[in-house]
C-alpha atoms as a PDB file:
ATOM      1  CA  UNK A   1     102.048 106.952  54.192  1.00  0.00           C
ATOM      2  CA  UNK A   2     100.537 105.232  56.586  1.00  0.00           C
ATOM      3  CA  UNK A   3     100.830 105.627  60.071  1.00  0.00           C
ATOM      4  CA  UNK A   4     103.084 104.692  62.661  1.00  0.00           C
ATOM      5  CA  UNK A   5     101.803 104.233  65.835  1.00  0.00           C
ATOM      6  CA  UNK A   6     104.024 103.244  69.110  1.00  0.00           C
ATOM      7  CA  UNK A   7     102.699 100.577  71.492  1.00  0.00           C
ATOM      8  CA  UNK A   8     103.270 102.382  74.814  1.00  0.00           C
ATOM      9  CA  UNK A   9     104.020 100.364  77.797  1.00  0.00           C
ATOM     10  CA  UNK A  10     100.923 101.044  79.837  1.00  0.00           C
ATOM     11  CA  UNK A  11      98.840  98.980  76.877  1.00  0.00           C
ATOM     12  CA  UNK A  12      99.589  95.581  78.454  1.00  0.00           C
ATOM     13  CA  UNK A  13      97.759  94.306  79.988  1.00  0.00           C
ATOM     14  CA  UNK A  14      99.282  94.216  83.987  1.00  0.00           C
ATOM     15  CA  UNK A  15      98.690  90.998  86.466  1.00  0.00           C
ATOM     16  CA  UNK A  16      98.928  90.992  90.346  1.00  0.00           C
ATOM     17  CA  UNK A  17     101.190  88.709  92.082  1.00  0.00           C
ATOM     18  CA  UNK A  18      99.445  86.881  94.602  1.00  0.00           C
ATOM     19  CA  UNK A  19     102.430  87.049  97.018  1.00  0.00           C
ATOM     20  CA  UNK A  20     103.686  90.863  98.260  1.00  0.00           C
ATOM     21  CA  UNK A  21     102.940  94.263  98.458  1.00  0.00           C
ATOM     22  CA  UNK A  22     101.968  96.343  95.852  1.00  0.00           C
ATOM     23  CA  UNK A  23     101.917 100.565  95.588  1.00  0.00           C
ATOM     24  CA  UNK A  24      98.729 102.000  95.036  1.00  0.00           C
ATOM     25  CA  UNK A  25      99.467 103.230  91.213  1.00  0.00           C
ATOM     26  CA  UNK A  26     100.004  98.980  90.624  1.00  0.00           C
ATOM     27  CA  UNK A  27      96.460  98.351  92.226  1.00  0.00           C
ATOM     28  CA  UNK A  28      94.636 100.796  90.344  1.00  0.00           C
ATOM     29  CA  UNK A  29      93.856  98.572  87.510  1.00  0.00           C
ATOM     30  CA  UNK A  30      92.483  96.539  89.510  1.00  0.00           C
ATOM     31  CA  UNK A  31      90.748  98.650  92.340  1.00  0.00           C
ATOM     32  CA  UNK A  32      87.382 101.185  90.831  1.00  0.00           C
ATOM     33  CA  UNK A  33      87.680 103.052  93.077  1.00  0.00           C
ATOM     34  CA  UNK A  34      89.332 106.263  94.265  1.00  0.00           C
ATOM     35  CA  UNK A  35      92.136 107.111  96.957  1.00  0.00           C
ATOM     36  CA  UNK A  36      89.850 108.313  99.324  1.00  0.00           C
ATOM     37  CA  UNK A  37      87.093 105.995  98.719  1.00  0.00           C
ATOM     38  CA  UNK A  38      89.982 103.841  99.597  1.00  0.00           C
ATOM     39  CA  UNK A  39      91.040 106.040 102.309  1.00  0.00           C
ATOM     40  CA  UNK A  40      87.549 105.976 103.860  1.00  0.00           C
ATOM     41  CA  UNK A  41      87.260 101.513 103.228  1.00  0.00           C
ATOM     42  CA  UNK A  42      90.041 101.336 105.200  1.00  0.00           C
ATOM     43  CA  UNK A  43      89.095 103.317 108.124  1.00  0.00           C
ATOM     44  CA  UNK A  44      85.662 101.239 108.465  1.00  0.00           C
ATOM     45  CA  UNK A  45      87.567  97.846 108.090  1.00  0.00           C
ATOM     46  CA  UNK A  46      85.286  97.161 104.616  1.00  0.00           C
ATOM     47  CA  UNK A  47      89.056  97.395 102.784  1.00  0.00           C
ATOM     48  CA  UNK A  48      92.624  96.410 103.364  1.00  0.00           C
ATOM     49  CA  UNK A  49      95.510  98.547 105.471  1.00  0.00           C
ATOM     50  CA  UNK A  50      97.993  99.569 103.923  1.00  0.00           C
ATOM     51  CA  UNK A  51     101.431  98.687 104.860  1.00  0.00           C
ATOM     52  CA  UNK A  52     104.306 101.263 105.729  1.00  0.00           C
ATOM     53  CA  UNK A  53     107.431 100.959 103.725  1.00  0.00           C
ATOM     54  CA  UNK A  54     110.013 102.627 106.589  1.00  0.00           C
ATOM     55  CA  UNK A  55     108.250 106.038 106.397  1.00  0.00           C
ATOM     56  CA  UNK A  56     104.443 107.345 106.975  1.00  0.00           C
ATOM     57  CA  UNK A  57     104.752 107.985 103.084  1.00  0.00           C
ATOM     58  CA  UNK A  58     105.693 105.654 101.303  1.00  0.00           C
ATOM     59  CA  UNK A  59     102.764 102.925 102.237  1.00  0.00           C
ATOM     60  CA  UNK A  60     101.619  99.751 100.079  1.00  0.00           C
ATOM     61  CA  UNK A  61      98.984  97.465 100.830  1.00  0.00           C
ATOM     62  CA  UNK A  62      99.340  93.454 101.364  1.00  0.00           C
ATOM     63  CA  UNK A  63      98.412  91.435  97.733  1.00  0.00           C
ATOM     64  CA  UNK A  64      96.679  88.687  99.040  1.00  0.00           C
ATOM     65  CA  UNK A  65      94.597  90.861 101.043  1.00  0.00           C
ATOM     66  CA  UNK A  66      94.174  92.703  97.950  1.00  0.00           C
ATOM     67  CA  UNK A  67      92.440  89.499  96.264  1.00  0.00           C
ATOM     68  CA  UNK A  68      90.483  88.953  99.637  1.00  0.00           C
ATOM     69  CA  UNK A  69      89.216  91.604  98.730  1.00  0.00           C
ATOM     70  CA  UNK A  70      88.460  91.545  94.853  1.00  0.00           C
ATOM     71  CA  UNK A  71      86.669  87.857  95.202  1.00  0.00           C
ATOM     72  CA  UNK A  72      83.926  89.686  97.549  1.00  0.00           C
ATOM     73  CA  UNK A  73      84.491  93.877  98.423  1.00  0.00           C
ATOM     74  CA  UNK A  74      80.766  94.130  99.616  1.00  0.00           C
ATOM     75  CA  UNK A  75      81.425  91.252 102.465  1.00  0.00           C
ATOM     76  CA  UNK A  76      84.926  91.707 103.198  1.00  0.00           C
ATOM     77  CA  UNK A  77      86.457  92.465 106.430  1.00  0.00           C
ATOM     78  CA  UNK A  78      89.793  93.579 107.566  1.00  0.00           C
ATOM     79  CA  UNK A  79      90.772  89.713 109.673  1.00  0.00           C
ATOM     80  CA  UNK A  80      91.813  90.708 113.664  1.00  0.00           C
END
């Protein structure tokens, strides 16, 4: 008897929208760094800065800045 396999929801390729904000779990497939490395690079200005969404614990990253970082991670610098 052949075995049936279920398709998991995370098997579908995700697309990062150009506009808006994304939480860490949404960014993980696109950012090959650990959360701690991202935090350190944010402090150095070498990764987009997170935005607080009403509280200290609820944060997201601006998608446009993430796209800028993806295009050239080695030379990315926060503007302003």
